PDB file of N, CA and C in Angstrom:
ATOM      1  N   MET A   1       8.986  12.555  22.080  1.00  0.00           N
ATOM      2  CA  MET A   1       9.370  12.433  20.688  1.00  0.00           C
ATOM      3  C   MET A   1      10.124  13.841  20.596  1.00  0.00           C
ATOM      4  N   SER A   2      11.202  13.744  19.755  1.00  0.00           N
ATOM      5  CA  SER A   2      12.092  14.862  19.533  1.00  0.00           C
ATOM      6  C   SER A   2      11.330  15.917  18.581  1.00  0.00           C
ATOM      7  N   ARG A   3      11.854  17.091  18.567  1.00  0.00           N
ATOM      8  CA  ARG A   3      11.388  18.153  17.521  1.00  0.00           C
ATOM      9  C   ARG A   3      11.453  17.665  16.219  1.00  0.00           C
ATOM     10  N   ILE A   4      12.538  16.986  15.696  1.00  0.00           N
ATOM     11  CA  ILE A   4      12.687  16.500  14.400  1.00  0.00           C
ATOM     12  C   ILE A   4      11.707  15.458  14.174  1.00  0.00           C
ATOM     13  N   GLY A   5      11.535  14.339  15.091  1.00  0.00           N
ATOM     14  CA  GLY A   5      10.553  13.534  14.973  1.00  0.00           C
ATOM     15  C   GLY A   5       9.042  13.984  14.882  1.00  0.00           C
ATOM     16  N   GLU A   6       8.633  14.948  15.579  1.00  0.00           N
ATOM     17  CA  GLU A   6       7.466  15.648  15.467  1.00  0.00           C
ATOM     18  C   GLU A   6       7.149  16.189  14.159  1.00  0.00           C
ATOM     19  N   ILE A   7       8.128  16.817  13.601  1.00  0.00           N
ATOM     20  CA  ILE A   7       8.009  17.418  12.203  1.00  0.00           C
ATOM     21  C   ILE A   7       7.869  16.382  11.218  1.00  0.00           C
ATOM     22  N   GLU A   8       8.702  15.319  11.244  1.00  0.00           N
ATOM     23  CA  GLU A   8       8.723  14.143  10.342  1.00  0.00           C
ATOM     24  C   GLU A   8       7.245  13.634  10.368  1.00  0.00           C
ATOM     25  N   ARG A   9       6.636  13.397  11.480  1.00  0.00           N
ATOM     26  CA  ARG A   9       5.417  12.675  11.789  1.00  0.00           C
ATOM     27  C   ARG A   9       4.180  13.526  11.062  1.00  0.00           C
ATOM     28  N   ARG A  10       4.302  14.797  11.304  1.00  0.00           N
ATOM     29  CA  ARG A  10       3.239  15.721  10.743  1.00  0.00           C
ATOM     30  C   ARG A  10       3.437  15.560   9.263  1.00  0.00           C
ATOM     31  N   THR A  11       4.552  15.589   8.608  1.00  0.00           N
ATOM     32  CA  THR A  11       4.856  15.469   7.041  1.00  0.00           C
ATOM     33  C   THR A  11       4.197  14.187   6.791  1.00  0.00           C
ATOM     34  N   GLN A  12       4.544  13.148   7.310  1.00  0.00           N
ATOM     35  CA  GLN A  12       3.947  11.846   7.061  1.00  0.00           C
ATOM     36  C   GLN A  12       2.585  11.700   7.047  1.00  0.00           C
ATOM     37  N   ASN A  13       1.901  12.383   8.144  1.00  0.00           N
ATOM     38  CA  ASN A  13       0.332  12.327   8.199  1.00  0.00           C
ATOM     39  C   ASN A  13      -0.143  13.208   7.065  1.00  0.00           C
ATOM     40  N   ARG A  14       0.510  14.255   6.683  1.00  0.00           N
ATOM     41  CA  ARG A  14      -0.082  14.993   5.396  1.00  0.00           C
ATOM     42  C   ARG A  14       0.024  13.977   4.184  1.00  0.00           C
ATOM     43  N   ILE A  15       1.090  13.306   3.988  1.00  0.00           N
ATOM     44  CA  ILE A  15       1.307  12.533   2.806  1.00  0.00           C
ATOM     45  C   ILE A  15       0.281  11.456   3.104  1.00  0.00           C
ATOM     46  N   VAL A  16      -0.025  10.915   3.937  1.00  0.00           N
ATOM     47  CA  VAL A  16      -1.086   9.755   4.167  1.00  0.00           C
ATOM     48  C   VAL A  16      -2.424  10.277   3.768  1.00  0.00           C
ATOM     49  N   GLY A  17      -2.719  11.501   4.197  1.00  0.00           N
ATOM     50  CA  GLY A  17      -3.888  12.181   3.880  1.00  0.00           C
ATOM     51  C   GLY A  17      -4.066  12.432   2.409  1.00  0.00           C
ATOM     52  N   LEU A  18      -3.085  12.836   1.777  1.00  0.00           N
ATOM     53  CA  LEU A  18      -2.977  12.923   0.177  1.00  0.00           C
ATOM     54  C   LEU A  18      -3.252  11.677  -0.403  1.00  0.00           C
ATOM     55  N   PHE A  19      -2.631  10.640   0.023  1.00  0.00           N
ATOM     56  CA  PHE A  19      -2.919   9.398  -0.695  1.00  0.00           C
ATOM     57  C   PHE A  19      -4.267   8.799  -0.399  1.00  0.00           C
ATOM     58  N   GLN A  20      -4.732   9.040   0.782  1.00  0.00           N
ATOM     59  CA  GLN A  20      -6.113   8.570   1.017  1.00  0.00           C
ATOM     60  C   GLN A  20      -7.231   9.295   0.412  1.00  0.00           C
ATOM     61  N   ASP A  21      -7.165  10.770   0.748  1.00  0.00           N
ATOM     62  CA  ASP A  21      -8.215  11.634   0.183  1.00  0.00           C
ATOM     63  C   ASP A  21      -8.188  11.934  -1.165  1.00  0.00           C
ATOM     64  N   THR A  22      -7.131  12.261  -1.795  1.00  0.00           N
ATOM     65  CA  THR A  22      -6.890  12.667  -3.251  1.00  0.00           C
ATOM     66  C   THR A  22      -6.812  11.567  -4.047  1.00  0.00           C
ATOM     67  N   LEU A  23      -5.911  10.537  -3.772  1.00  0.00           N
ATOM     68  CA  LEU A  23      -5.760   9.484  -4.673  1.00  0.00           C
ATOM     69  C   LEU A  23      -6.436   8.069  -4.420  1.00  0.00           C
ATOM     70  N   SER A  24      -7.338   8.158  -3.323  1.00  0.00           N
ATOM     71  CA  SER A  24      -8.255   6.986  -2.981  1.00  0.00           C
ATOM     72  C   SER A  24      -7.491   5.885  -2.635  1.00  0.00           C
ATOM     73  N   TYR A  25      -6.260   5.857  -2.007  1.00  0.00           N
ATOM     74  CA  TYR A  25      -5.461   4.655  -1.536  1.00  0.00           C
ATOM     75  C   TYR A  25      -6.130   4.158  -0.257  1.00  0.00           C
ATOM     76  N   GLU A  26      -5.890   3.003   0.098  1.00  0.00           N
ATOM     77  CA  GLU A  26      -6.425   2.360   1.264  1.00  0.00           C
ATOM     78  C   GLU A  26      -5.180   2.465   2.226  1.00  0.00           C
ATOM     79  N   TYR A  27      -5.282   2.991   3.372  1.00  0.00           N
ATOM     80  CA  TYR A  27      -4.326   3.126   4.407  1.00  0.00           C
ATOM     81  C   TYR A  27      -4.278   1.894   5.294  1.00  0.00           C
ATOM     82  N   LEU A  28      -3.284   1.097   5.316  1.00  0.00           N
ATOM     83  CA  LEU A  28      -3.199   0.056   6.228  1.00  0.00           C
ATOM     84  C   LEU A  28      -2.598   0.099   7.515  1.00  0.00           C
ATOM     85  N   GLY A  29      -2.282   1.386   7.835  1.00  0.00           N
ATOM     86  CA  GLY A  29      -1.856   1.717   9.184  1.00  0.00           C
ATOM     87  C   GLY A  29      -0.404   1.708   9.443  1.00  0.00           C
ATOM     88  N   ASP A  30       0.118   2.116  10.594  1.00  0.00           N
ATOM     89  CA  ASP A  30       1.518   2.287  10.907  1.00  0.00           C
ATOM     90  C   ASP A  30       1.932   0.961  11.381  1.00  0.00           C
ATOM     91  N   TRP A  31       2.980   0.236  10.518  1.00  0.00           N
ATOM     92  CA  TRP A  31       3.342  -1.136  10.821  1.00  0.00           C
ATOM     93  C   TRP A  31       4.733  -1.211  11.295  1.00  0.00           C
ATOM     94  N   HIS A  32       5.274  -0.103  11.833  1.00  0.00           N
ATOM     95  CA  HIS A  32       6.656  -0.101  12.248  1.00  0.00           C
ATOM     96  C   HIS A  32       6.893  -1.192  13.340  1.00  0.00           C
ATOM     97  N   ASP A  33       5.924  -1.316  14.219  1.00  0.00           N
ATOM     98  CA  ASP A  33       6.120  -2.192  15.320  1.00  0.00           C
ATOM     99  C   ASP A  33       5.595  -3.695  14.910  1.00  0.00           C
ATOM    100  N   ARG A  34       5.173  -3.901  13.849  1.00  0.00           N
ATOM    101  CA  ARG A  34       4.596  -5.075  13.607  1.00  0.00           C
ATOM    102  C   ARG A  34       5.639  -6.257  13.313  1.00  0.00           C
ATOM    103  N   SER A  35       5.361  -7.499  13.758  1.00  0.00           N
ATOM    104  CA  SER A  35       6.268  -8.500  13.634  1.00  0.00           C
ATOM    105  C   SER A  35       6.150  -8.876  12.083  1.00  0.00           C
ATOM    106  N   ASP A  36       7.347  -9.381  11.592  1.00  0.00           N
ATOM    107  CA  ASP A  36       7.400  -9.764  10.252  1.00  0.00           C
ATOM    108  C   ASP A  36       7.176  -8.680   9.370  1.00  0.00           C
ATOM    109  N   ASN A  37       7.388  -7.361   9.720  1.00  0.00           N
ATOM    110  CA  ASN A  37       7.416  -6.245   8.912  1.00  0.00           C
ATOM    111  C   ASN A  37       8.393  -6.198   7.674  1.00  0.00           C
ATOM    112  N   SER A  38       8.007  -5.909   6.550  1.00  0.00           N
ATOM    113  CA  SER A  38       8.974  -5.999   5.381  1.00  0.00           C
ATOM    114  C   SER A  38       8.575  -4.758   4.577  1.00  0.00           C
ATOM    115  N   ASN A  39       9.508  -4.459   3.683  1.00  0.00           N
ATOM    116  CA  ASN A  39       9.248  -3.415   2.716  1.00  0.00           C
ATOM    117  C   ASN A  39       8.627  -3.853   1.575  1.00  0.00           C
ATOM    118  N   ILE A  40       8.401  -5.198   1.312  1.00  0.00           N
ATOM    119  CA  ILE A  40       7.713  -5.767   0.157  1.00  0.00           C
ATOM    120  C   ILE A  40       6.649  -6.598   1.078  1.00  0.00           C
ATOM    121  N   GLU A  41       5.474  -6.336   0.778  1.00  0.00           N
ATOM    122  CA  GLU A  41       4.280  -7.113   1.398  1.00  0.00           C
ATOM    123  C   GLU A  41       3.819  -8.180   0.380  1.00  0.00           C
ATOM    124  N   LYS A  42       4.434  -9.289   0.600  1.00  0.00           N
ATOM    125  CA  LYS A  42       4.415 -10.364  -0.470  1.00  0.00           C
ATOM    126  C   LYS A  42       2.819 -10.729  -0.703  1.00  0.00           C
ATOM    127  N   HIS A  43       2.076 -10.760   0.442  1.00  0.00           N
ATOM    128  CA  HIS A  43       0.706 -11.068   0.231  1.00  0.00           C
ATOM    129  C   HIS A  43      -0.038 -10.289  -0.626  1.00  0.00           C
ATOM    130  N   TYR A  44       0.096  -9.004  -0.404  1.00  0.00           N
ATOM    131  CA  TYR A  44      -0.662  -8.010  -1.066  1.00  0.00           C
ATOM    132  C   TYR A  44      -0.153  -7.996  -2.533  1.00  0.00           C
ATOM    133  N   LEU A  45       1.107  -8.212  -2.787  1.00  0.00           N
ATOM    134  CA  LEU A  45       1.697  -8.131  -4.208  1.00  0.00           C
ATOM    135  C   LEU A  45       1.241  -9.283  -4.938  1.00  0.00           C
ATOM    136  N   LYS A  46       1.149 -10.438  -4.215  1.00  0.00           N
ATOM    137  CA  LYS A  46       0.522 -11.726  -4.887  1.00  0.00           C
ATOM    138  C   LYS A  46      -0.871 -11.584  -5.307  1.00  0.00           C
ATOM    139  N   GLN A  47      -1.637 -10.940  -4.443  1.00  0.00           N
ATOM    140  CA  GLN A  47      -3.075 -10.763  -4.728  1.00  0.00           C
ATOM    141  C   GLN A  47      -3.247  -9.765  -6.063  1.00  0.00           C
ATOM    142  N   TYR A  48      -2.315  -8.633  -6.070  1.00  0.00           N
ATOM    143  CA  TYR A  48      -2.383  -7.856  -7.124  1.00  0.00           C
ATOM    144  C   TYR A  48      -2.089  -8.650  -8.547  1.00  0.00           C
ATOM    145  N   LEU A  49      -1.067  -9.363  -8.360  1.00  0.00           N
ATOM    146  CA  LEU A  49      -0.582 -10.035  -9.654  1.00  0.00           C
ATOM    147  C   LEU A  49      -1.509 -11.064 -10.087  1.00  0.00           C
ATOM    148  N   ILE A  50      -2.304 -11.883  -9.233  1.00  0.00           N
ATOM    149  CA  ILE A  50      -3.192 -12.780  -9.535  1.00  0.00           C
ATOM    150  C   ILE A  50      -4.328 -12.046 -10.223  1.00  0.00           C
ATOM    151  N   ARG A  51      -4.814 -10.812  -9.797  1.00  0.00           N
ATOM    152  CA  ARG A  51      -5.831 -10.147 -10.424  1.00  0.00           C
ATOM    153  C   ARG A  51      -5.523  -9.643 -11.884  1.00  0.00           C
ATOM    154  N   GLN A  52      -4.149  -9.632 -11.986  1.00  0.00           N
ATOM    155  CA  GLN A  52      -3.807  -9.036 -13.274  1.00  0.00           C
ATOM    156  C   GLN A  52      -3.582 -10.212 -14.416  1.00  0.00           C
ATOM    157  N   GLY A  53      -3.795 -11.447 -13.712  1.00  0.00           N
ATOM    158  CA  GLY A  53      -3.960 -12.663 -14.593  1.00  0.00           C
ATOM    159  C   GLY A  53      -2.560 -13.545 -14.820  1.00  0.00           C
ATOM    160  N   TYR A  54      -1.720 -13.226 -13.788  1.00  0.00           N
ATOM    161  CA  TYR A  54      -0.504 -13.929 -13.651  1.00  0.00           C
ATOM    162  C   TYR A  54      -0.677 -15.206 -13.048  1.00  0.00           C
ATOM    163  N   GLY A  55       0.126 -16.396 -13.559  1.00  0.00           N
ATOM    164  CA  GLY A  55      -0.114 -17.660 -12.783  1.00  0.00           C
ATOM    165  C   GLY A  55       1.031 -17.856 -11.690  1.00  0.00           C
ATOM    166  N   GLU A  56       0.727 -18.725 -10.803  1.00  0.00           N
ATOM    167  CA  GLU A  56       1.602 -18.890  -9.624  1.00  0.00           C
ATOM    168  C   GLU A  56       3.116 -19.105  -9.928  1.00  0.00           C
ATOM    169  N   PRO A  57       3.655 -19.630 -10.930  1.00  0.00           N
ATOM    170  CA  PRO A  57       5.037 -19.872 -11.224  1.00  0.00           C
ATOM    171  C   PRO A  57       5.594 -18.304 -11.567  1.00  0.00           C
ATOM    172  N   GLU A  58       5.020 -17.752 -12.469  1.00  0.00           N
ATOM    173  CA  GLU A  58       5.392 -16.300 -12.742  1.00  0.00           C
ATOM    174  C   GLU A  58       5.519 -15.420 -11.471  1.00  0.00           C
ATOM    175  N   ILE A  59       4.384 -15.451 -10.725  1.00  0.00           N
ATOM    176  CA  ILE A  59       4.338 -14.635  -9.532  1.00  0.00           C
ATOM    177  C   ILE A  59       5.504 -15.078  -8.584  1.00  0.00           C
ATOM    178  N   LYS A  60       5.818 -16.308  -8.407  1.00  0.00           N
ATOM    179  CA  LYS A  60       6.877 -16.801  -7.418  1.00  0.00           C
ATOM    180  C   LYS A  60       8.188 -16.176  -7.836  1.00  0.00           C
ATOM    181  N   LYS A  61       8.455 -16.407  -9.171  1.00  0.00           N
ATOM    182  CA  LYS A  61       9.748 -15.707  -9.578  1.00  0.00           C
ATOM    183  C   LYS A  61       9.855 -14.195  -9.684  1.00  0.00           C
ATOM    184  N   ALA A  62       8.851 -13.582  -9.980  1.00  0.00           N
ATOM    185  CA  ALA A  62       8.780 -12.122  -9.981  1.00  0.00           C
ATOM    186  C   ALA A  62       8.865 -11.508  -8.465  1.00  0.00           C
ATOM    187  N   VAL A  63       8.222 -12.151  -7.683  1.00  0.00           N
ATOM    188  CA  VAL A  63       8.330 -11.759  -6.153  1.00  0.00           C
ATOM    189  C   VAL A  63       9.753 -11.994  -5.697  1.00  0.00           C
ATOM    190  N   ALA A  64      10.290 -13.267  -5.986  1.00  0.00           N
ATOM    191  CA  ALA A  64      11.645 -13.510  -5.572  1.00  0.00           C
ATOM    192  C   ALA A  64      12.702 -12.530  -6.118  1.00  0.00           C
ATOM    193  N   ALA A  65      12.559 -12.098  -7.424  1.00  0.00           N
ATOM    194  CA  ALA A  65      13.503 -11.321  -8.158  1.00  0.00           C
ATOM    195  C   ALA A  65      13.257  -9.803  -7.263  1.00  0.00           C
ATOM    196  N   LEU A  66      12.118  -9.189  -6.927  1.00  0.00           N
ATOM    197  CA  LEU A  66      11.994  -8.160  -6.323  1.00  0.00           C
ATOM    198  C   LEU A  66      12.547  -8.159  -5.043  1.00  0.00           C
ATOM    199  N   THR A  67      12.185  -9.257  -4.313  1.00  0.00           N
ATOM    200  CA  THR A  67      12.830  -9.383  -2.966  1.00  0.00           C
ATOM    201  C   THR A  67      14.341  -9.477  -2.796  1.00  0.00           C
ATOM    202  N   ARG A  68      14.807 -10.035  -3.864  1.00  0.00           N
ATOM    203  CA  ARG A  68      16.377 -10.153  -3.896  1.00  0.00           C
ATOM    204  C   ARG A  68      16.917  -8.854  -4.174  1.00  0.00           C
ATOM    205  N   ALA A  69      16.261  -8.124  -5.016  1.00  0.00           N
ATOM    206  CA  ALA A  69      16.921  -6.691  -5.325  1.00  0.00           C
ATOM    207  C   ALA A  69      16.714  -5.810  -4.161  1.00  0.00           C
ATOM    208  N   ALA A  70      15.573  -5.840  -3.431  1.00  0.00           N
ATOM    209  CA  ALA A  70      15.347  -4.964  -2.336  1.00  0.00           C
ATOM    210  C   ALA A  70      16.293  -5.441  -1.192  1.00  0.00           C
ATOM    211  N   GLY A  71      16.620  -6.668  -1.000  1.00  0.00           N
ATOM    212  CA  GLY A  71      17.503  -7.077   0.124  1.00  0.00           C
ATOM    213  C   GLY A  71      18.984  -7.025  -0.084  1.00  0.00           C
ATOM    214  N   ASN A  72      19.354  -6.516  -1.463  1.00  0.00           N
ATOM    215  CA  ASN A  72      20.709  -6.471  -1.705  1.00  0.00           C
ATOM    216  C   ASN A  72      21.533  -5.532  -0.753  1.00  0.00           C
ATOM    217  N   GLN A  73      22.574  -6.048  -0.060  1.00  0.00           N
ATOM    218  CA  GLN A  73      23.368  -5.292   0.823  1.00  0.00           C
ATOM    219  C   GLN A  73      24.612  -4.870   0.322  1.00  0.00           C
ATOM    220  N   VAL A  74      24.910  -5.310  -0.830  1.00  0.00           N
ATOM    221  CA  VAL A  74      26.211  -4.911  -1.448  1.00  0.00           C
ATOM    222  C   VAL A  74      26.195  -3.516  -2.111  1.00  0.00           C
ATOM    223  N   GLN A  75      25.099  -3.108  -2.954  1.00  0.00           N
ATOM    224  CA  GLN A  75      25.159  -1.934  -3.526  1.00  0.00           C
ATOM    225  C   GLN A  75      24.736  -0.809  -2.586  1.00  0.00           C
ATOM    226  N   SER A  76      24.949   0.421  -3.075  1.00  0.00           N
ATOM    227  CA  SER A  76      24.501   1.584  -2.256  1.00  0.00           C
ATOM    228  C   SER A  76      22.883   1.678  -2.164  1.00  0.00           C
ATOM    229  N   LEU A  77      22.522   2.398  -1.494  1.00  0.00           N
ATOM    230  CA  LEU A  77      21.007   2.597  -1.097  1.00  0.00           C
ATOM    231  C   LEU A  77      20.452   3.153  -2.430  1.00  0.00           C
ATOM    232  N   TYR A  78      21.108   4.116  -3.110  1.00  0.00           N
ATOM    233  CA  TYR A  78      20.756   4.715  -4.258  1.00  0.00           C
ATOM    234  C   TYR A  78      20.527   3.705  -5.391  1.00  0.00           C
ATOM    235  N   ASP A  79      21.541   2.866  -5.516  1.00  0.00           N
ATOM    236  CA  ASP A  79      21.530   1.839  -6.549  1.00  0.00           C
ATOM    237  C   ASP A  79      20.355   0.799  -6.271  1.00  0.00           C
ATOM    238  N   ILE A  80      20.271   0.430  -5.024  1.00  0.00           N
ATOM    239  CA  ILE A  80      19.157  -0.623  -4.748  1.00  0.00           C
ATOM    240  C   ILE A  80      17.822   0.068  -5.057  1.00  0.00           C
ATOM    241  N   ASN A  81      17.464   1.281  -4.525  1.00  0.00           N
ATOM    242  CA  ASN A  81      16.308   1.893  -4.931  1.00  0.00           C
ATOM    243  C   ASN A  81      16.042   2.092  -6.424  1.00  0.00           C
ATOM    244  N   LYS A  82      17.059   2.403  -7.226  1.00  0.00           N
ATOM    245  CA  LYS A  82      16.914   2.475  -8.513  1.00  0.00           C
ATOM    246  C   LYS A  82      16.640   1.225  -9.221  1.00  0.00           C
ATOM    247  N   GLU A  83      17.281   0.094  -8.806  1.00  0.00           N
ATOM    248  CA  GLU A  83      16.933  -1.307  -9.369  1.00  0.00           C
ATOM    249  C   GLU A  83      15.426  -1.681  -8.929  1.00  0.00           C
ATOM    250  N   VAL A  84      14.957  -1.438  -7.695  1.00  0.00           N
ATOM    251  CA  VAL A  84      13.686  -1.864  -7.405  1.00  0.00           C
ATOM    252  C   VAL A  84      12.726  -0.948  -8.004  1.00  0.00           C
ATOM    253  N   TYR A  85      12.946   0.347  -8.149  1.00  0.00           N
ATOM    254  CA  TYR A  85      12.089   1.179  -8.989  1.00  0.00           C
ATOM    255  C   TYR A  85      11.954   0.789 -10.312  1.00  0.00           C
ATOM    256  N   SER A  86      13.017   0.375 -10.919  1.00  0.00           N
ATOM    257  CA  SER A  86      12.959  -0.193 -12.350  1.00  0.00           C
ATOM    258  C   SER A  86      12.310  -1.439 -12.514  1.00  0.00           C
ATOM    259  N   LEU A  87      12.255  -2.318 -11.510  1.00  0.00           N
ATOM    260  CA  LEU A  87      11.536  -3.589 -11.677  1.00  0.00           C
ATOM    261  C   LEU A  87       9.957  -3.256 -11.420  1.00  0.00           C
ATOM    262  N   LEU A  88       9.604  -2.219 -10.658  1.00  0.00           N
ATOM    263  CA  LEU A  88       8.207  -2.026 -10.402  1.00  0.00           C
ATOM    264  C   LEU A  88       7.850  -1.342 -11.612  1.00  0.00           C
ATOM    265  N   ARG A  89       8.517  -0.330 -12.154  1.00  0.00           N
ATOM    266  CA  ARG A  89       8.181   0.444 -13.268  1.00  0.00           C
ATOM    267  C   ARG A  89       7.883  -0.308 -14.640  1.00  0.00           C
ATOM    268  N   TYR A  90       9.059  -1.070 -14.845  1.00  0.00           N
ATOM    269  CA  TYR A  90       9.068  -1.924 -16.146  1.00  0.00           C
ATOM    270  C   TYR A  90       8.843  -3.346 -16.144  1.00  0.00           C
ATOM    271  N   GLY A  91       8.618  -3.843 -14.876  1.00  0.00           N
ATOM    272  CA  GLY A  91       8.260  -5.210 -14.854  1.00  0.00           C
ATOM    273  C   GLY A  91       9.493  -6.033 -14.604  1.00  0.00           C
ATOM    274  N   VAL A  92       9.189  -7.372 -14.150  1.00  0.00           N
ATOM    275  CA  VAL A  92      10.329  -8.280 -13.941  1.00  0.00           C
ATOM    276  C   VAL A  92      10.283  -9.178 -15.136  1.00  0.00           C
ATOM    277  N   LYS A  93      11.471  -9.307 -15.760  1.00  0.00           N
ATOM    278  CA  LYS A  93      11.390 -10.392 -16.832  1.00  0.00           C
ATOM    279  C   LYS A  93      11.491 -11.682 -16.212  1.00  0.00           C
ATOM    280  N   VAL A  94      10.506 -12.568 -16.535  1.00  0.00           N
ATOM    281  CA  VAL A  94      10.424 -13.901 -15.952  1.00  0.00           C
ATOM    282  C   VAL A  94      10.412 -14.921 -17.202  1.00  0.00           C
ATOM    283  N   SER A  95      11.174 -15.772 -17.236  1.00  0.00           N
ATOM    284  CA  SER A  95      11.047 -16.885 -18.135  1.00  0.00           C
ATOM    285  C   SER A  95      10.670 -18.230 -17.459  1.00  0.00           C
ATOM    286  N   MET A  96       9.683 -19.072 -18.014  1.00  0.00           N
ATOM    287  CA  MET A  96       9.325 -20.184 -17.240  1.00  0.00           C
ATOM    288  C   MET A  96      10.267 -21.291 -17.525  1.00  0.00           C
ATOM    289  N   GLY A  97      11.039 -21.304 -18.452  1.00  0.00           N
ATOM    290  CA  GLY A  97      11.838 -22.575 -18.929  1.00  0.00           C
ATOM    291  C   GLY A  97      13.073 -21.980 -19.783  1.00  0.00           C
ATOM    292  N   ALA A  98      14.079 -22.697 -19.898  1.00  0.00           N
ATOM    293  CA  ALA A  98      15.180 -22.556 -20.786  1.00  0.00           C
ATOM    294  C   ALA A  98      14.557 -22.304 -22.188  1.00  0.00           C
ATOM    295  N   GLY A  99      14.969 -21.242 -22.767  1.00  0.00           N
ATOM    296  CA  GLY A  99      14.676 -20.924 -24.285  1.00  0.00           C
ATOM    297  C   GLY A  99      13.163 -20.393 -24.571  1.00  0.00           C
ATOM    298  N   GLU A 100      12.437 -20.106 -23.453  1.00  0.00           N
ATOM    299  CA  GLU A 100      11.052 -19.540 -23.578  1.00  0.00           C
ATOM    300  C   GLU A 100      11.243 -18.097 -23.535  1.00  0.00           C
ATOM    301  N   ASN A 101      10.225 -17.376 -24.094  1.00  0.00           N
ATOM    302  CA  ASN A 101      10.132 -16.013 -24.116  1.00  0.00           C
ATOM    303  C   ASN A 101       9.645 -15.556 -22.648  1.00  0.00           C
ATOM    304  N   TYR A 102       9.937 -14.306 -22.491  1.00  0.00           N
ATOM    305  CA  TYR A 102       9.536 -13.708 -21.213  1.00  0.00           C
ATOM    306  C   TYR A 102       8.098 -13.451 -21.087  1.00  0.00           C
TER     307      TYR A 102
END
């Protein structure tokens, strides 16, 4: 591993420790070599949304909107990250039918 890679790995290990020890997050491991790796873990996202009381139709539309925003290859990386953060922070507006409220 190059010197830059070693420094980056040590930094990542410190951040993982912060999230695990201080913030009580569950560490799922290093998935960079995993098949079907994605920046959006749909299974975990769906489980979370179900626990929050959302129904299957709302979950499908919200996950699709988030996946579409994250997979956008037209915008700059900055704009893509800004849109994804906005969806995560403020929620995805999902209407279940024409003329229905979000």
